[in-house]
C-alpha atoms as a PDB file:
ATOM      1  CA  THR A   1      -7.101 -20.477  10.515  1.00  0.00           C
ATOM      2  CA  PRO A   2      -7.115 -19.620   6.825  1.00  0.00           C
ATOM      3  CA  HIS A   3     -10.925 -19.584   6.719  1.00  0.00           C
ATOM      4  CA  GLU A   4     -11.452 -17.074   9.517  1.00  0.00           C
ATOM      5  CA  PRO A   5     -12.055 -13.487   8.413  1.00  0.00           C
ATOM      6  CA  LEU A   6      -9.295 -11.116   9.380  1.00  0.00           C
ATOM      7  CA  ASP A   7      -9.903  -7.893  11.207  1.00  0.00           C
ATOM      8  CA  GLY A   8      -8.898  -5.001   8.928  1.00  0.00           C
ATOM      9  CA  ALA A   9      -6.049  -4.036  11.274  1.00  0.00           C
ATOM     10  CA  GLU A  10      -4.534  -7.481  10.885  1.00  0.00           C
ATOM     11  CA  ARG A  11      -4.177  -7.173   7.145  1.00  0.00           C
ATOM     12  CA  ILE A  12      -2.442  -4.803   4.736  1.00  0.00           C
ATOM     13  CA  LEU A  13      -3.370  -4.889   1.086  1.00  0.00           C
ATOM     14  CA  ILE A  14      -0.993  -4.046  -1.712  1.00  0.00           C
ATOM     15  CA  VAL A  15      -3.212  -3.330  -4.688  1.00  0.00           C
ATOM     16  CA  VAL A  16      -2.164  -3.558  -8.329  1.00  0.00           C
ATOM     17  CA  GLY A  17      -4.202  -3.008 -11.461  1.00  0.00           C
ATOM     18  CA  ALA A  18      -5.955  -5.770 -13.381  1.00  0.00           C
ATOM     19  CA  HIS A  19      -4.265  -4.518 -16.545  1.00  0.00           C
ATOM     20  CA  LEU A  20      -1.649  -6.523 -18.443  1.00  0.00           C
ATOM     21  CA  SER A  21       0.964  -3.794 -17.989  1.00  0.00           C
ATOM     22  CA  ALA A  22       0.251  -3.738 -14.242  1.00  0.00           C
ATOM     23  CA  GLU A  23       0.591  -7.509 -14.047  1.00  0.00           C
ATOM     24  CA  ARG A  24       3.920  -7.338 -15.859  1.00  0.00           C
ATOM     25  CA  HIS A  25       5.484  -4.391 -14.031  1.00  0.00           C
ATOM     26  CA  ASP A  26       3.569  -3.585 -10.850  1.00  0.00           C
ATOM     27  CA  ARG A  27       2.784  -7.030  -9.438  1.00  0.00           C
ATOM     28  CA  PRO A  28       6.499  -7.960  -9.060  1.00  0.00           C
ATOM     29  CA  LEU A  29       7.003  -4.604  -7.287  1.00  0.00           C
ATOM     30  CA  ALA A  30       4.073  -5.433  -5.022  1.00  0.00           C
ATOM     31  CA  TYR A  31       5.687  -8.675  -3.888  1.00  0.00           C
ATOM     32  CA  THR A  32       8.963  -6.854  -3.206  1.00  0.00           C
ATOM     33  CA  LEU A  33       7.035  -4.224  -1.232  1.00  0.00           C
ATOM     34  CA  ARG A  34       5.281  -7.025   0.664  1.00  0.00           C
ATOM     35  CA  GLU A  35       8.619  -8.457   1.806  1.00  0.00           C
ATOM     36  CA  ARG A  36       9.918  -5.042   2.827  1.00  0.00           C
ATOM     37  CA  MET A  37       6.734  -4.260   4.777  1.00  0.00           C
ATOM     38  CA  LEU A  38       7.096  -7.550   6.652  1.00  0.00           C
ATOM     39  CA  GLU A  39      10.669  -6.515   7.523  1.00  0.00           C
ATOM     40  CA  LEU A  40       9.351  -3.206   8.907  1.00  0.00           C
ATOM     41  CA  PHE A  41       6.919  -5.065  11.144  1.00  0.00           C
ATOM     42  CA  ALA A  42       9.674  -7.383  12.332  1.00  0.00           C
ATOM     43  CA  GLN A  43      11.756  -4.333  13.328  1.00  0.00           C
ATOM     44  CA  ARG A  44       9.002  -2.776  15.459  1.00  0.00           C
ATOM     45  CA  PRO A  45      10.232  -2.134  18.989  1.00  0.00           C
ATOM     46  CA  SER A  46       8.782  -4.473  21.603  1.00  0.00           C
ATOM     47  CA  GLY A  47       6.518  -3.177  24.315  1.00  0.00           C
ATOM     48  CA  HIS A  48       3.858  -1.802  21.984  1.00  0.00           C
ATOM     49  CA  GLU A  49       0.317  -3.005  22.707  1.00  0.00           C
ATOM     50  CA  SER A  50       0.065  -4.368  19.157  1.00  0.00           C
ATOM     51  CA  ASP A  51       3.123  -6.638  19.470  1.00  0.00           C
ATOM     52  CA  HIS A  52       0.896  -9.686  19.368  1.00  0.00           C
ATOM     53  CA  VAL A  53      -0.650  -8.607  16.053  1.00  0.00           C
ATOM     54  CA  ILE A  54       1.253  -9.880  13.056  1.00  0.00           C
ATOM     55  CA  PRO A  55      -0.488  -8.475  10.014  1.00  0.00           C
ATOM     56  CA  GLU A  56      -0.954 -10.448   6.874  1.00  0.00           C
ATOM     57  CA  VAL A  57       0.340  -8.545   3.847  1.00  0.00           C
ATOM     58  CA  LEU A  58      -1.636  -9.537   0.768  1.00  0.00           C
ATOM     59  CA  VAL A  59      -1.253  -8.580  -2.869  1.00  0.00           C
ATOM     60  CA  CYS A  60      -4.518  -8.278  -4.791  1.00  0.00           C
ATOM     61  CA  CYS A  61      -5.853  -6.562  -7.887  1.00  0.00           C
ATOM     62  CA  ASP A  62      -7.893  -3.375  -7.934  1.00  0.00           C
ATOM     63  CA  LEU A  63     -11.065  -5.190  -8.997  1.00  0.00           C
ATOM     64  CA  TRP A  64     -11.074  -7.246  -5.798  1.00  0.00           C
ATOM     65  CA  TYR A  65     -10.417  -4.198  -3.644  1.00  0.00           C
ATOM     66  CA  LEU A  66     -13.047  -1.975  -5.221  1.00  0.00           C
ATOM     67  CA  ASN A  67     -15.758  -4.648  -5.364  1.00  0.00           C
ATOM     68  CA  ASP A  68     -15.399  -6.148  -1.874  1.00  0.00           C
ATOM     69  CA  GLU A  69     -16.566  -3.761   0.853  1.00  0.00           C
ATOM     70  CA  SER A  70     -14.800  -5.747   3.581  1.00  0.00           C
ATOM     71  CA  LEU A  71     -11.401  -5.012   2.011  1.00  0.00           C
ATOM     72  CA  LYS A  72     -11.929  -1.245   2.242  1.00  0.00           C
ATOM     73  CA  HIS A  73     -11.446  -1.419   6.012  1.00  0.00           C
ATOM     74  CA  SER A  74      -7.856  -2.592   5.608  1.00  0.00           C
ATOM     75  CA  PRO A  75      -4.799  -0.380   5.257  1.00  0.00           C
ATOM     76  CA  ALA A  76      -3.792  -0.390   1.595  1.00  0.00           C
ATOM     77  CA  ILE A  77      -0.965   0.660  -0.684  1.00  0.00           C
ATOM     78  CA  SER A  78      -1.855   1.082  -4.337  1.00  0.00           C
ATOM     79  CA  ILE A  79       0.896   0.583  -6.924  1.00  0.00           C
ATOM     80  CA  GLY A  80       0.658   1.843 -10.483  1.00  0.00           C
ATOM     81  CA  GLY A  81      -0.789   4.877 -12.170  1.00  0.00           C
ATOM     82  CA  PRO A  82      -4.429   5.825 -12.646  1.00  0.00           C
ATOM     83  CA  GLY A  83      -4.327   4.487 -16.206  1.00  0.00           C
ATOM     84  CA  VAL A  84      -3.665   0.905 -15.067  1.00  0.00           C
ATOM     85  CA  ASN A  85      -4.970   0.824 -11.480  1.00  0.00           C
ATOM     86  CA  ALA A  86      -8.559   1.807 -10.665  1.00  0.00           C
ATOM     87  CA  LEU A  87      -7.722   2.294  -6.970  1.00  0.00           C
ATOM     88  CA  SER A  88      -4.964   4.741  -7.913  1.00  0.00           C
ATOM     89  CA  ALA A  89      -7.466   6.577 -10.121  1.00  0.00           C
ATOM     90  CA  TYR A  90      -9.903   6.738  -7.199  1.00  0.00           C
ATOM     91  CA  LEU A  91      -7.252   7.940  -4.730  1.00  0.00           C
ATOM     92  CA  ALA A  92      -5.644  10.478  -7.091  1.00  0.00           C
ATOM     93  CA  SER A  93      -7.889  13.346  -5.966  1.00  0.00           C
ATOM     94  CA  ARG A  94      -8.537  12.036  -2.451  1.00  0.00           C
ATOM     95  CA  LEU A  95      -5.051  11.590  -0.982  1.00  0.00           C
ATOM     96  CA  PRO A  96      -2.548  14.386  -0.454  1.00  0.00           C
ATOM     97  CA  SER A  97       0.707  14.279  -2.366  1.00  0.00           C
ATOM     98  CA  ALA A  98       3.542  13.435   0.000  1.00  0.00           C
ATOM     99  CA  PHE A  99       6.363  13.392  -2.560  1.00  0.00           C
ATOM    100  CA  VAL A 100       6.323  14.467  -6.204  1.00  0.00           C
ATOM    101  CA  ILE A 101       8.870  14.715  -8.982  1.00  0.00           C
ATOM    102  CA  ASP A 102       6.979  16.606 -11.675  1.00  0.00           C
ATOM    103  CA  ASP A 103       6.193  14.601 -14.790  1.00  0.00           C
ATOM    104  CA  LEU A 104       7.915  11.513 -13.325  1.00  0.00           C
ATOM    105  CA  LEU A 105       6.452  10.063 -10.106  1.00  0.00           C
ATOM    106  CA  MET A 106       4.146  10.609  -7.174  1.00  0.00           C
ATOM    107  CA  VAL A 107       3.756   9.203  -3.680  1.00  0.00           C
ATOM    108  CA  GLN A 108       0.458   9.963  -1.978  1.00  0.00           C
ATOM    109  CA  PHE A 109      -0.012   9.235   1.720  1.00  0.00           C
ATOM    110  CA  ASP A 110      -2.058  10.530   4.631  1.00  0.00           C
ATOM    111  CA  ALA A 111      -0.924   9.231   8.027  1.00  0.00           C
ATOM    112  CA  GLU A 112      -3.879  10.942   9.714  1.00  0.00           C
ATOM    113  CA  MET A 113      -6.507   8.749   8.066  1.00  0.00           C
ATOM    114  CA  HIS A 114      -8.376   6.235  10.228  1.00  0.00           C
ATOM    115  CA  THR A 115      -7.419   3.519   7.751  1.00  0.00           C
ATOM    116  CA  PRO A 116      -3.980   4.290   6.279  1.00  0.00           C
ATOM    117  CA  LEU A 117      -3.875   4.523   2.503  1.00  0.00           C
ATOM    118  CA  ALA A 118      -0.969   5.215   0.179  1.00  0.00           C
ATOM    119  CA  CYS A 119      -0.485   5.338  -3.558  1.00  0.00           C
ATOM    120  CA  CYS A 120       2.813   5.017  -5.465  1.00  0.00           C
ATOM    121  CA  TRP A 121       3.146   5.482  -9.197  1.00  0.00           C
ATOM    122  CA  GLY A 122       5.295   6.847 -11.960  1.00  0.00           C
ATOM    123  CA  THR A 123       5.168   7.588 -15.653  1.00  0.00           C
ATOM    124  CA  THR A 124       7.306   4.522 -16.441  1.00  0.00           C
ATOM    125  CA  PRO A 125       7.784   1.173 -14.706  1.00  0.00           C
ATOM    126  CA  GLU A 126      11.181   2.384 -13.470  1.00  0.00           C
ATOM    127  CA  ALA A 127       9.637   5.560 -12.054  1.00  0.00           C
ATOM    128  CA  THR A 128       6.949   3.508 -10.301  1.00  0.00           C
ATOM    129  CA  ALA A 129       9.666   1.333  -8.745  1.00  0.00           C
ATOM    130  CA  ARG A 130      11.399   4.496  -7.574  1.00  0.00           C
ATOM    131  CA  ALA A 131       8.120   5.801  -6.095  1.00  0.00           C
ATOM    132  CA  VAL A 132       7.751   2.558  -4.109  1.00  0.00           C
ATOM    133  CA  ASP A 133      11.330   2.906  -2.820  1.00  0.00           C
ATOM    134  CA  ILE A 134      10.697   6.526  -1.824  1.00  0.00           C
ATOM    135  CA  PHE A 135       7.487   5.535  -0.048  1.00  0.00           C
ATOM    136  CA  LEU A 136       9.322   2.896   1.964  1.00  0.00           C
ATOM    137  CA  ASP A 137      12.313   5.101   2.770  1.00  0.00           C
ATOM    138  CA  LYS A 138      10.340   8.218   3.726  1.00  0.00           C
ATOM    139  CA  TYR A 139       6.919   6.978   4.817  1.00  0.00           C
ATOM    140  CA  GLY A 140       7.106   3.233   5.489  1.00  0.00           C
ATOM    141  CA  ASP A 141       7.625   3.629   9.240  1.00  0.00           C
ATOM    142  CA  GLY A 142       4.837   6.211   9.400  1.00  0.00           C
ATOM    143  CA  PHE A 143       2.487   3.879   7.554  1.00  0.00           C
ATOM    144  CA  VAL A 144       3.245   1.058   9.989  1.00  0.00           C
ATOM    145  CA  LYS A 145       2.829   3.334  13.024  1.00  0.00           C
ATOM    146  CA  SER A 146      -0.404   4.833  11.705  1.00  0.00           C
ATOM    147  CA  MET A 147      -1.991   1.384  11.643  1.00  0.00           C
ATOM    148  CA  TRP A 148      -2.081   1.429  15.446  1.00  0.00           C
ATOM    149  CA  GLY A 149      -2.482   5.139  15.977  1.00  0.00           C
ATOM    150  CA  ALA A 150       1.092   5.433  17.231  1.00  0.00           C
END
């Protein structure tokens, strides 16, 4: 039911900044990413022990994520640069760079983490959108698999 707390593994958070620029540019990207993540889950091969788990993919702002301890146990993808997203600022020195185009965009992701985390951002809204696309194309499957230790 909507009032029952979700186990962290049953939820993925897509986190955007609580900054006007993030609301304008990154939140629409987050909803597009949400739809694409749901497609990845739908394409999972059957026979995996987690087939019965259909994660909820939620978009929220960085203030919610950073101020609610229960959310930190959920896999999360942060969208937007450190200047507009406090989670991206926090992750900047804590996640390895998976893909970088110098002075343009960065995708950070560590599939080995107990709780998968990723961060996608660029120097412009267009570069951030490209970072999200690169994350999905190169690391989306790995992110999904890492949620269940596959």
